[in-house]
Every structure is written in structure tokens, then in C-alpha cells.
Amino acid sequence: MSEDNKPQDKGRLWLFENTYKTNDNHPVLTGSGEISVDQLRILFKHVKDDPPEDGIVRLQCAAWDRVSKAGKPFKFVTFELKQIRENAEIPNPAPVKGHNEEEDIPF
């Protein structure tokens, strides 16, 4: 598999129940994460080449419920730069009741 075709590594987070939570202001889940240098380069290149007007880099995330080897449940989260789907199909709007498209044609 060539470098251009290899799947991009995603950032990862492991979130566990916050056992130190003593009040409602503390987070429910805490944990650690990592991001590969390759993924970091992709993010930096995106910001350098096409900086977002609002200064916010959008990410696509996914999460799974998992259980650690010690039996502790946790959330496993991946993230990567959100891609705009240029080839996504745009749904056709529902026809307006009683509207005849042929009446709009001027010839």
C-alpha cells in the first residue's frame, strides 16, 4: 500500500468515570488521549492552507462503549479532521403540491 493510500491514523481518547468527582462542577468522565504526528501534520496543513474563517477546526468524532482488562467500563473516542463531502448527493426537494414543473418552462 503506498503512502498516499494508507489509512490515516486517527486521534484517540480513553474516557473513564471520574471517581474523584465530588460536586456537579467536576467532569463526569476523565481520561487521556493521543494524536499521531501524521494526524497533527494534517491538521496544521489544513489550518495553514485553508484557514477556517471563524478560527475553528471542525473534527469528526466517533465513540464506543468498552470495558478495560480490569473490568472498568470506558468510552473509546476517535477523532480526525472533518472532511466536507464534495460528492455527497443533494436530496431533491419534495415537490410542491399542485405545482407543475412544465408550467415553469418558458418555451
PDB file of N, CA and C in Angstrom:
ATOM      1  N   MET A   1       0.860  -1.179   0.000  1.00  0.00           N
ATOM      2  CA  MET A   1       0.000   0.000   0.000  1.00  0.00           C
ATOM      3  C   MET A   1       0.899   1.232   0.000  1.00  0.00           C
ATOM      4  N   SER A   2       0.678   2.157  -0.904  1.00  0.00           N
ATOM      5  CA  SER A   2       1.512   3.347  -0.988  1.00  0.00           C
ATOM      6  C   SER A   2       1.184   4.298   0.161  1.00  0.00           C
ATOM      7  N   GLU A   3       2.102   5.236   0.394  1.00  0.00           N
ATOM      8  CA  GLU A   3       1.904   6.212   1.458  1.00  0.00           C
ATOM      9  C   GLU A   3       0.619   7.007   1.246  1.00  0.00           C
ATOM     10  N   ASP A   4       0.298   7.330  -0.015  1.00  0.00           N
ATOM     11  CA  ASP A   4      -0.899   8.119  -0.307  1.00  0.00           C
ATOM     12  C   ASP A   4      -2.175   7.340  -0.030  1.00  0.00           C
ATOM     13  N   ASN A   5      -2.119   6.014  -0.146  1.00  0.00           N
ATOM     14  CA  ASN A   5      -3.323   5.205   0.008  1.00  0.00           C
ATOM     15  C   ASN A   5      -3.485   4.606   1.396  1.00  0.00           C
ATOM     16  N   LYS A   6      -2.459   4.743   2.259  1.00  0.00           N
ATOM     17  CA  LYS A   6      -2.581   4.117   3.570  1.00  0.00           C
ATOM     18  C   LYS A   6      -3.618   4.872   4.405  1.00  0.00           C
ATOM     19  N   PRO A   7      -4.379   4.146   5.225  1.00  0.00           N
ATOM     20  CA  PRO A   7      -5.386   4.811   6.031  1.00  0.00           C
ATOM     21  C   PRO A   7      -4.727   5.768   7.023  1.00  0.00           C
ATOM     22  N   GLN A   8      -5.324   6.912   7.213  1.00  0.00           N
ATOM     23  CA  GLN A   8      -4.788   7.899   8.133  1.00  0.00           C
ATOM     24  C   GLN A   8      -5.064   7.481   9.568  1.00  0.00           C
ATOM     25  N   ASP A   9      -4.051   7.641  10.414  1.00  0.00           N
ATOM     26  CA  ASP A   9      -4.228   7.372  11.827  1.00  0.00           C
ATOM     27  C   ASP A   9      -5.145   8.442  12.399  1.00  0.00           C
ATOM     28  N   LYS A  10      -5.970   8.052  13.341  1.00  0.00           N
ATOM     29  CA  LYS A  10      -6.888   8.991  13.970  1.00  0.00           C
ATOM     30  C   LYS A  10      -6.413   9.292  15.382  1.00  0.00           C
ATOM     31  N   GLY A  11      -6.848  10.419  15.897  1.00  0.00           N
ATOM     32  CA  GLY A  11      -6.606  10.706  17.297  1.00  0.00           C
ATOM     33  C   GLY A  11      -7.501   9.807  18.133  1.00  0.00           C
ATOM     34  N   ARG A  12      -7.061   9.531  19.368  1.00  0.00           N
ATOM     35  CA  ARG A  12      -7.827   8.632  20.237  1.00  0.00           C
ATOM     36  C   ARG A  12      -7.924   9.196  21.642  1.00  0.00           C
ATOM     37  N   LEU A  13      -9.063   8.952  22.290  1.00  0.00           N
ATOM     38  CA  LEU A  13      -9.282   9.332  23.686  1.00  0.00           C
ATOM     39  C   LEU A  13      -9.836   8.138  24.435  1.00  0.00           C
ATOM     40  N   TRP A  14      -9.445   8.006  25.704  1.00  0.00           N
ATOM     41  CA  TRP A  14      -9.996   6.979  26.584  1.00  0.00           C
ATOM     42  C   TRP A  14     -10.604   7.704  27.772  1.00  0.00           C
ATOM     43  N   LEU A  15     -11.921   7.629  27.914  1.00  0.00           N
ATOM     44  CA  LEU A  15     -12.622   8.358  28.964  1.00  0.00           C
ATOM     45  C   LEU A  15     -13.263   7.399  29.957  1.00  0.00           C
ATOM     46  N   PHE A  16     -12.894   7.553  31.224  1.00  0.00           N
ATOM     47  CA  PHE A  16     -13.409   6.718  32.304  1.00  0.00           C
ATOM     48  C   PHE A  16     -14.256   7.567  33.238  1.00  0.00           C
ATOM     49  N   GLU A  17     -15.089   6.901  34.012  1.00  0.00           N
ATOM     50  CA  GLU A  17     -15.874   7.605  35.027  1.00  0.00           C
ATOM     51  C   GLU A  17     -14.908   8.330  35.964  1.00  0.00           C
ATOM     52  N   ASN A  18     -15.224   9.572  36.284  1.00  0.00           N
ATOM     53  CA  ASN A  18     -14.399  10.364  37.192  1.00  0.00           C
ATOM     54  C   ASN A  18     -14.707   9.950  38.627  1.00  0.00           C
ATOM     55  N   THR A  19     -13.869   9.099  39.197  1.00  0.00           N
ATOM     56  CA  THR A  19     -14.098   8.606  40.563  1.00  0.00           C
ATOM     57  C   THR A  19     -13.750   9.659  41.614  1.00  0.00           C
ATOM     58  N   TYR A  20     -13.155  10.777  41.200  1.00  0.00           N
ATOM     59  CA  TYR A  20     -12.810  11.855  42.124  1.00  0.00           C
ATOM     60  C   TYR A  20     -13.847  12.962  42.126  1.00  0.00           C
ATOM     61  N   LYS A  21     -14.926  12.781  41.404  1.00  0.00           N
ATOM     62  CA  LYS A  21     -15.979  13.802  41.312  1.00  0.00           C
ATOM     63  C   LYS A  21     -16.625  13.982  42.682  1.00  0.00           C
ATOM     64  N   THR A  22     -16.587  15.207  43.190  1.00  0.00           N
ATOM     65  CA  THR A  22     -17.198  15.489  44.496  1.00  0.00           C
ATOM     66  C   THR A  22     -18.310  16.523  44.417  1.00  0.00           C
ATOM     67  N   ASN A  23     -18.449  17.189  43.255  1.00  0.00           N
ATOM     68  CA  ASN A  23     -19.561  18.127  43.087  1.00  0.00           C
ATOM     69  C   ASN A  23     -19.949  18.205  41.608  1.00  0.00           C
ATOM     70  N   ASP A  24     -21.043  18.876  41.327  1.00  0.00           N
ATOM     71  CA  ASP A  24     -21.586  18.929  39.969  1.00  0.00           C
ATOM     72  C   ASP A  24     -20.699  19.700  38.981  1.00  0.00           C
ATOM     73  N   ASN A  25     -19.741  20.463  39.484  1.00  0.00           N
ATOM     74  CA  ASN A  25     -18.847  21.204  38.592  1.00  0.00           C
ATOM     75  C   ASN A  25     -17.711  20.340  38.058  1.00  0.00           C
ATOM     76  N   HIS A  26     -17.489  19.185  38.636  1.00  0.00           N
ATOM     77  CA  HIS A  26     -16.429  18.290  38.169  1.00  0.00           C
ATOM     78  C   HIS A  26     -16.904  17.487  36.960  1.00  0.00           C
ATOM     79  N   PRO A  27     -15.980  17.121  36.065  1.00  0.00           N
ATOM     80  CA  PRO A  27     -16.380  16.340  34.887  1.00  0.00           C
ATOM     81  C   PRO A  27     -16.866  14.945  35.259  1.00  0.00           C
ATOM     82  N   VAL A  28     -17.775  14.431  34.463  1.00  0.00           N
ATOM     83  CA  VAL A  28     -18.317  13.086  34.659  1.00  0.00           C
ATOM     84  C   VAL A  28     -17.302  12.045  34.205  1.00  0.00           C
ATOM     85  N   LEU A  29     -16.594  12.331  33.112  1.00  0.00           N
ATOM     86  CA  LEU A  29     -15.590  11.421  32.554  1.00  0.00           C
ATOM     87  C   LEU A  29     -14.252  12.146  32.469  1.00  0.00           C
ATOM     88  N   THR A  30     -13.174  11.414  32.700  1.00  0.00           N
ATOM     89  CA  THR A  30     -11.822  11.944  32.501  1.00  0.00           C
ATOM     90  C   THR A  30     -10.976  10.855  31.856  1.00  0.00           C
ATOM     91  N   GLY A  31      -9.863  11.250  31.302  1.00  0.00           N
ATOM     92  CA  GLY A  31      -9.001  10.248  30.695  1.00  0.00           C
ATOM     93  C   GLY A  31      -7.849  10.876  29.964  1.00  0.00           C
ATOM     94  N   SER A  32      -7.272  10.108  29.075  1.00  0.00           N
ATOM     95  CA  SER A  32      -6.118  10.574  28.317  1.00  0.00           C
ATOM     96  C   SER A  32      -6.383  10.388  26.834  1.00  0.00           C
ATOM     97  N   GLY A  33      -5.495  10.936  26.043  1.00  0.00           N
ATOM     98  CA  GLY A  33      -5.640  10.816  24.602  1.00  0.00           C
ATOM     99  C   GLY A  33      -4.305  10.899  23.922  1.00  0.00           C
ATOM    100  N   GLU A  34      -4.329  10.674  22.637  1.00  0.00           N
ATOM    101  CA  GLU A  34      -3.110  10.770  21.839  1.00  0.00           C
ATOM    102  C   GLU A  34      -3.478  11.096  20.402  1.00  0.00           C
ATOM    103  N   ILE A  35      -2.514  11.711  19.732  1.00  0.00           N
ATOM    104  CA  ILE A  35      -2.689  12.020  18.314  1.00  0.00           C
ATOM    105  C   ILE A  35      -1.337  11.787  17.647  1.00  0.00           C
ATOM    106  N   SER A  36      -1.351  11.133  16.506  1.00  0.00           N
ATOM    107  CA  SER A  36      -0.092  10.843  15.811  1.00  0.00           C
ATOM    108  C   SER A  36       0.466  12.118  15.185  1.00  0.00           C
ATOM    109  N   VAL A  37       1.760  12.105  14.960  1.00  0.00           N
ATOM    110  CA  VAL A  37       2.409  13.232  14.298  1.00  0.00           C
ATOM    111  C   VAL A  37       1.820  13.414  12.901  1.00  0.00           C
ATOM    112  N   ASP A  38       1.519  12.306  12.210  1.00  0.00           N
ATOM    113  CA  ASP A  38       0.919  12.403  10.868  1.00  0.00           C
ATOM    114  C   ASP A  38      -0.424  13.130  10.930  1.00  0.00           C
ATOM    115  N   GLN A  39      -1.257  12.790  11.898  1.00  0.00           N
ATOM    116  CA  GLN A  39      -2.564  13.439  12.017  1.00  0.00           C
ATOM    117  C   GLN A  39      -2.392  14.916  12.394  1.00  0.00           C
ATOM    118  N   LEU A  40      -1.417  15.193  13.241  1.00  0.00           N
ATOM    119  CA  LEU A  40      -1.130  16.578  13.618  1.00  0.00           C
ATOM    120  C   LEU A  40      -0.687  17.385  12.406  1.00  0.00           C
ATOM    121  N   ARG A  41       0.130  16.766  11.542  1.00  0.00           N
ATOM    122  CA  ARG A  41       0.559  17.446  10.304  1.00  0.00           C
ATOM    123  C   ARG A  41      -0.637  17.761   9.413  1.00  0.00           C
ATOM    124  N   ILE A  42      -1.573  16.815   9.321  1.00  0.00           N
ATOM    125  CA  ILE A  42      -2.775  17.039   8.513  1.00  0.00           C
ATOM    126  C   ILE A  42      -3.559  18.232   9.054  1.00  0.00           C
ATOM    127  N   LEU A  43      -3.717  18.297  10.368  1.00  0.00           N
ATOM    128  CA  LEU A  43      -4.447  19.416  10.980  1.00  0.00           C
ATOM    129  C   LEU A  43      -3.732  20.742  10.733  1.00  0.00           C
ATOM    130  N   PHE A  44      -2.419  20.772  10.937  1.00  0.00           N
ATOM    131  CA  PHE A  44      -1.662  22.001  10.712  1.00  0.00           C
ATOM    132  C   PHE A  44      -1.702  22.426   9.251  1.00  0.00           C
ATOM    133  N   LYS A  45      -1.582  21.460   8.324  1.00  0.00           N
ATOM    134  CA  LYS A  45      -1.632  21.771   6.892  1.00  0.00           C
ATOM    135  C   LYS A  45      -2.987  22.367   6.542  1.00  0.00           C
ATOM    136  N   HIS A  46      -4.039  21.795   7.105  1.00  0.00           N
ATOM    137  CA  HIS A  46      -5.387  22.311   6.847  1.00  0.00           C
ATOM    138  C   HIS A  46      -5.497  23.770   7.314  1.00  0.00           C
ATOM    139  N   VAL A  47      -5.005  24.046   8.502  1.00  0.00           N
ATOM    140  CA  VAL A  47      -5.091  25.405   9.047  1.00  0.00           C
ATOM    141  C   VAL A  47      -4.234  26.364   8.232  1.00  0.00           C
ATOM    142  N   LYS A  48      -3.068  25.910   7.807  1.00  0.00           N
ATOM    143  CA  LYS A  48      -2.169  26.770   7.030  1.00  0.00           C
ATOM    144  C   LYS A  48      -2.709  27.019   5.627  1.00  0.00           C
ATOM    145  N   ASP A  49      -3.154  25.955   4.934  1.00  0.00           N
ATOM    146  CA  ASP A  49      -3.571  26.064   3.536  1.00  0.00           C
ATOM    147  C   ASP A  49      -4.984  26.616   3.365  1.00  0.00           C
ATOM    148  N   ASP A  50      -5.854  26.327   4.299  1.00  0.00           N
ATOM    149  CA  ASP A  50      -7.256  26.730   4.165  1.00  0.00           C
ATOM    150  C   ASP A  50      -7.811  27.085   5.546  1.00  0.00           C
ATOM    151  N   PRO A  51      -7.316  28.179   6.138  1.00  0.00           N
ATOM    152  CA  PRO A  51      -7.739  28.501   7.499  1.00  0.00           C
ATOM    153  C   PRO A  51      -9.241  28.783   7.574  1.00  0.00           C
ATOM    154  N   PRO A  52      -9.905  28.212   8.573  1.00  0.00           N
ATOM    155  CA  PRO A  52     -11.338  28.458   8.712  1.00  0.00           C
ATOM    156  C   PRO A  52     -11.587  29.925   9.078  1.00  0.00           C
ATOM    157  N   GLU A  53     -12.607  30.506   8.474  1.00  0.00           N
ATOM    158  CA  GLU A  53     -12.903  31.913   8.701  1.00  0.00           C
ATOM    159  C   GLU A  53     -13.191  32.214  10.164  1.00  0.00           C
ATOM    160  N   ASP A  54     -13.837  31.280  10.851  1.00  0.00           N
ATOM    161  CA  ASP A  54     -14.198  31.517  12.248  1.00  0.00           C
ATOM    162  C   ASP A  54     -13.117  31.058  13.227  1.00  0.00           C
ATOM    163  N   GLY A  55     -11.992  30.552  12.708  1.00  0.00           N
ATOM    164  CA  GLY A  55     -10.894  30.138  13.564  1.00  0.00           C
ATOM    165  C   GLY A  55     -11.107  28.815  14.273  1.00  0.00           C
ATOM    166  N   ILE A  56     -12.097  28.040  13.848  1.00  0.00           N
ATOM    167  CA  ILE A  56     -12.405  26.768  14.493  1.00  0.00           C
ATOM    168  C   ILE A  56     -12.171  25.631  13.511  1.00  0.00           C
ATOM    169  N   VAL A  57     -11.360  24.650  13.915  1.00  0.00           N
ATOM    170  CA  VAL A  57     -11.112  23.467  13.101  1.00  0.00           C
ATOM    171  C   VAL A  57     -12.152  22.427  13.499  1.00  0.00           C
ATOM    172  N   ARG A  58     -12.942  21.979  12.541  1.00  0.00           N
ATOM    173  CA  ARG A  58     -14.002  21.003  12.800  1.00  0.00           C
ATOM    174  C   ARG A  58     -13.440  19.588  12.779  1.00  0.00           C
ATOM    175  N   LEU A  59     -13.846  18.770  13.740  1.00  0.00           N
ATOM    176  CA  LEU A  59     -13.413  17.380  13.827  1.00  0.00           C
ATOM    177  C   LEU A  59     -14.606  16.457  13.689  1.00  0.00           C
ATOM    178  N   GLN A  60     -14.360  15.294  13.134  1.00  0.00           N
ATOM    179  CA  GLN A  60     -15.351  14.225  13.081  1.00  0.00           C
ATOM    180  C   GLN A  60     -14.981  13.248  14.190  1.00  0.00           C
ATOM    181  N   CYS A  61     -15.943  12.892  15.034  1.00  0.00           N
ATOM    182  CA  CYS A  61     -15.671  12.013  16.175  1.00  0.00           C
ATOM    183  C   CYS A  61     -16.578  10.791  16.138  1.00  0.00           C
ATOM    184  N   ALA A  62     -16.106   9.727  16.760  1.00  0.00           N
ATOM    185  CA  ALA A  62     -16.906   8.513  16.933  1.00  0.00           C
ATOM    186  C   ALA A  62     -16.557   7.947  18.303  1.00  0.00           C
ATOM    187  N   ALA A  63     -17.546   7.318  18.978  1.00  0.00           N
ATOM    188  CA  ALA A  63     -17.315   6.794  20.326  1.00  0.00           C
ATOM    189  C   ALA A  63     -17.918   5.401  20.474  1.00  0.00           C
ATOM    190  N   TRP A  64     -17.250   4.585  21.275  1.00  0.00           N
ATOM    191  CA  TRP A  64     -17.704   3.226  21.571  1.00  0.00           C
ATOM    192  C   TRP A  64     -17.660   3.002  23.072  1.00  0.00           C
ATOM    193  N   ASP A  65     -18.565   2.172  23.568  1.00  0.00           N
ATOM    194  CA  ASP A  65     -18.508   1.700  24.945  1.00  0.00           C
ATOM    195  C   ASP A  65     -17.576   0.504  24.976  1.00  0.00           C
ATOM    196  N   ARG A  66     -16.619   0.512  25.874  1.00  0.00           N
ATOM    197  CA  ARG A  66     -15.663  -0.585  26.012  1.00  0.00           C
ATOM    198  C   ARG A  66     -15.494  -0.934  27.488  1.00  0.00           C
ATOM    199  N   VAL A  67     -14.840  -2.044  27.739  1.00  0.00           N
ATOM    200  CA  VAL A  67     -14.530  -2.471  29.104  1.00  0.00           C
ATOM    201  C   VAL A  67     -13.040  -2.778  29.154  1.00  0.00           C
ATOM    202  N   SER A  68     -12.342  -2.217  30.168  1.00  0.00           N
ATOM    203  CA  SER A  68     -10.903  -2.438  30.299  1.00  0.00           C
ATOM    204  C   SER A  68     -10.616  -3.854  30.772  1.00  0.00           C
ATOM    205  N   LYS A  69      -9.350  -4.250  30.687  1.00  0.00           N
ATOM    206  CA  LYS A  69      -8.950  -5.571  31.182  1.00  0.00           C
ATOM    207  C   LYS A  69      -9.243  -5.717  32.670  1.00  0.00           C
ATOM    208  N   ALA A  70      -9.266  -4.595  33.381  1.00  0.00           N
ATOM    209  CA  ALA A  70      -9.567  -4.602  34.816  1.00  0.00           C
ATOM    210  C   ALA A  70     -11.074  -4.603  35.076  1.00  0.00           C
ATOM    211  N   GLY A  71     -11.874  -4.598  33.998  1.00  0.00           N
ATOM    212  CA  GLY A  71     -13.331  -4.642  34.145  1.00  0.00           C
ATOM    213  C   GLY A  71     -13.998  -3.292  34.301  1.00  0.00           C
ATOM    214  N   LYS A  72     -13.248  -2.205  34.101  1.00  0.00           N
ATOM    215  CA  LYS A  72     -13.826  -0.865  34.220  1.00  0.00           C
ATOM    216  C   LYS A  72     -14.400  -0.421  32.876  1.00  0.00           C
ATOM    217  N   PRO A  73     -15.675  -0.019  32.842  1.00  0.00           N
ATOM    218  CA  PRO A  73     -16.241   0.489  31.588  1.00  0.00           C
ATOM    219  C   PRO A  73     -15.633   1.851  31.237  1.00  0.00           C
ATOM    220  N   PHE A  74     -15.476   2.090  29.937  1.00  0.00           N
ATOM    221  CA  PHE A  74     -14.966   3.387  29.485  1.00  0.00           C
ATOM    222  C   PHE A  74     -15.490   3.675  28.090  1.00  0.00           C
ATOM    223  N   LYS A  75     -15.341   4.910  27.670  1.00  0.00           N
ATOM    224  CA  LYS A  75     -15.686   5.342  26.315  1.00  0.00           C
ATOM    225  C   LYS A  75     -14.389   5.456  25.521  1.00  0.00           C
ATOM    226  N   PHE A  76     -14.378   4.862  24.342  1.00  0.00           N
ATOM    227  CA  PHE A  76     -13.238   4.982  23.436  1.00  0.00           C
ATOM    228  C   PHE A  76     -13.675   5.901  22.309  1.00  0.00           C
ATOM    229  N   VAL A  77     -12.931   6.990  22.102  1.00  0.00           N
ATOM    230  CA  VAL A  77     -13.315   8.018  21.128  1.00  0.00           C
ATOM    231  C   VAL A  77     -12.191   8.184  20.115  1.00  0.00           C
ATOM    232  N   THR A  78     -12.548   8.246  18.835  1.00  0.00           N
ATOM    233  CA  THR A  78     -11.582   8.594  17.794  1.00  0.00           C
ATOM    234  C   THR A  78     -11.999   9.925  17.195  1.00  0.00           C
ATOM    235  N   PHE A  79     -11.018  10.643  16.672  1.00  0.00           N
ATOM    236  CA  PHE A  79     -11.323  11.916  16.020  1.00  0.00           C
ATOM    237  C   PHE A  79     -10.339  12.162  14.892  1.00  0.00           C
ATOM    238  N   GLU A  80     -10.809  12.900  13.909  1.00  0.00           N
ATOM    239  CA  GLU A  80      -9.991  13.273  12.760  1.00  0.00           C
ATOM    240  C   GLU A  80     -10.583  14.532  12.161  1.00  0.00           C
ATOM    241  N   LEU A  81      -9.839  15.140  11.274  1.00  0.00           N
ATOM    242  CA  LEU A  81     -10.308  16.338  10.594  1.00  0.00           C
ATOM    243  C   LEU A  81     -11.598  16.029   9.858  1.00  0.00           C
ATOM    244  N   LYS A  82     -12.612  16.847  10.060  1.00  0.00           N
ATOM    245  CA  LYS A  82     -13.891  16.630   9.379  1.00  0.00           C
ATOM    246  C   LYS A  82     -13.740  17.010   7.918  1.00  0.00           C
ATOM    247  N   GLN A  83     -14.068  16.077   7.047  1.00  0.00           N
ATOM    248  CA  GLN A  83     -13.979  16.303   5.603  1.00  0.00           C
ATOM    249  C   GLN A  83     -15.333  16.755   5.084  1.00  0.00           C
ATOM    250  N   ILE A  84     -15.311  17.742   4.220  1.00  0.00           N
ATOM    251  CA  ILE A  84     -16.538  18.169   3.564  1.00  0.00           C
ATOM    252  C   ILE A  84     -16.760  17.234   2.392  1.00  0.00           C
ATOM    253  N   ARG A  85     -17.903  16.652   2.336  1.00  0.00           N
ATOM    254  CA  ARG A  85     -18.192  15.687   1.272  1.00  0.00           C
ATOM    255  C   ARG A  85     -18.606  16.434   0.008  1.00  0.00           C
ATOM    256  N   GLU A  86     -17.657  16.573  -0.896  1.00  0.00           N
ATOM    257  CA  GLU A  86     -17.929  17.294  -2.137  1.00  0.00           C
ATOM    258  C   GLU A  86     -18.834  16.501  -3.059  1.00  0.00           C
ATOM    259  N   ASN A  87     -18.784  15.188  -2.988  1.00  0.00           N
ATOM    260  CA  ASN A  87     -19.582  14.346  -3.879  1.00  0.00           C
ATOM    261  C   ASN A  87     -20.876  13.877  -3.245  1.00  0.00           C
ATOM    262  N   ALA A  88     -21.199  14.426  -2.076  1.00  0.00           N
ATOM    263  CA  ALA A  88     -22.431  13.999  -1.406  1.00  0.00           C
ATOM    264  C   ALA A  88     -23.637  14.388  -2.255  1.00  0.00           C
ATOM    265  N   GLU A  89     -24.582  13.487  -2.322  1.00  0.00           N
ATOM    266  CA  GLU A  89     -25.786  13.771  -3.093  1.00  0.00           C
ATOM    267  C   GLU A  89     -26.639  14.784  -2.359  1.00  0.00           C
ATOM    268  N   ILE A  90     -27.105  15.769  -3.080  1.00  0.00           N
ATOM    269  CA  ILE A  90     -28.010  16.752  -2.508  1.00  0.00           C
ATOM    270  C   ILE A  90     -29.417  16.249  -2.748  1.00  0.00           C
ATOM    271  N   PRO A  91     -30.179  16.040  -1.664  1.00  0.00           N
ATOM    272  CA  PRO A  91     -31.525  15.497  -1.864  1.00  0.00           C
ATOM    273  C   PRO A  91     -32.400  16.470  -2.643  1.00  0.00           C
ATOM    274  N   ASN A  92     -33.229  15.920  -3.510  1.00  0.00           N
ATOM    275  CA  ASN A  92     -34.172  16.745  -4.249  1.00  0.00           C
ATOM    276  C   ASN A  92     -35.266  17.204  -3.304  1.00  0.00           C
ATOM    277  N   PRO A  93     -35.665  18.473  -3.397  1.00  0.00           N
ATOM    278  CA  PRO A  93     -36.735  18.920  -2.521  1.00  0.00           C
ATOM    279  C   PRO A  93     -38.042  18.227  -2.899  1.00  0.00           C
ATOM    280  N   ALA A  94     -38.886  18.066  -1.916  1.00  0.00           N
ATOM    281  CA  ALA A  94     -40.190  17.443  -2.163  1.00  0.00           C
ATOM    282  C   ALA A  94     -40.987  18.336  -3.100  1.00  0.00           C
ATOM    283  N   PRO A  95     -41.698  17.757  -4.060  1.00  0.00           N
ATOM    284  CA  PRO A  95     -42.486  18.583  -4.977  1.00  0.00           C
ATOM    285  C   PRO A  95     -43.598  19.318  -4.223  1.00  0.00           C
ATOM    286  N   VAL A  96     -43.838  20.539  -4.675  1.00  0.00           N
ATOM    287  CA  VAL A  96     -44.907  21.330  -4.080  1.00  0.00           C
ATOM    288  C   VAL A  96     -46.227  20.819  -4.626  1.00  0.00           C
ATOM    289  N   LYS A  97     -47.149  20.565  -3.723  1.00  0.00           N
ATOM    290  CA  LYS A  97     -48.439  20.024  -4.122  1.00  0.00           C
ATOM    291  C   LYS A  97     -49.144  20.989  -5.084  1.00  0.00           C
ATOM    292  N   GLY A  98     -49.593  20.457  -6.197  1.00  0.00           N
ATOM    293  CA  GLY A  98     -50.304  21.266  -7.179  1.00  0.00           C
ATOM    294  C   GLY A  98     -49.384  22.049  -8.094  1.00  0.00           C
ATOM    295  N   HIS A  99     -48.068  21.889  -7.944  1.00  0.00           N
ATOM    296  CA  HIS A  99     -47.113  22.614  -8.776  1.00  0.00           C
ATOM    297  C   HIS A  99     -46.730  21.757  -9.972  1.00  0.00           C
ATOM    298  N   ASN A 100     -46.786  22.338 -11.153  1.00  0.00           N
ATOM    299  CA  ASN A 100     -46.454  21.634 -12.372  1.00  0.00           C
ATOM    300  C   ASN A 100     -45.165  22.236 -12.915  1.00  0.00           C
ATOM    301  N   GLU A 101     -44.070  21.454 -12.915  1.00  0.00           N
ATOM    302  CA  GLU A 101     -42.771  21.958 -13.379  1.00  0.00           C
ATOM    303  C   GLU A 101     -42.825  22.406 -14.839  1.00  0.00           C
ATOM    304  N   GLU A 102     -43.645  21.766 -15.663  1.00  0.00           N
ATOM    305  CA  GLU A 102     -43.707  22.132 -17.075  1.00  0.00           C
ATOM    306  C   GLU A 102     -44.244  23.544 -17.268  1.00  0.00           C
ATOM    307  N   GLU A 103     -45.018  24.054 -16.317  1.00  0.00           N
ATOM    308  CA  GLU A 103     -45.551  25.408 -16.441  1.00  0.00           C
ATOM    309  C   GLU A 103     -44.428  26.454 -16.264  1.00  0.00           C
ATOM    310  N   ASP A 104     -43.324  26.057 -15.607  1.00  0.00           N
ATOM    311  CA  ASP A 104     -42.227  26.992 -15.381  1.00  0.00           C
ATOM    312  C   ASP A 104     -41.306  27.118 -16.597  1.00  0.00           C
ATOM    313  N   ILE A 105     -41.412  26.226 -17.550  1.00  0.00           N
ATOM    314  CA  ILE A 105     -40.543  26.258 -18.723  1.00  0.00           C
ATOM    315  C   ILE A 105     -41.082  27.300 -19.697  1.00  0.00           C
ATOM    316  N   PRO A 106     -40.244  28.299 -20.060  1.00  0.00           N
ATOM    317  CA  PRO A 106     -40.736  29.402 -20.885  1.00  0.00           C
ATOM    318  C   PRO A 106     -40.868  29.078 -22.368  1.00  0.00           C
ATOM    319  N   PHE A 107     -40.615  27.884 -22.823  1.00  0.00           N
ATOM    320  CA  PHE A 107     -40.757  27.559 -24.252  1.00  0.00           C
ATOM    321  C   PHE A 107     -41.494  26.285 -24.445  1.00  0.00           C
TER     322      PHE A 107
END
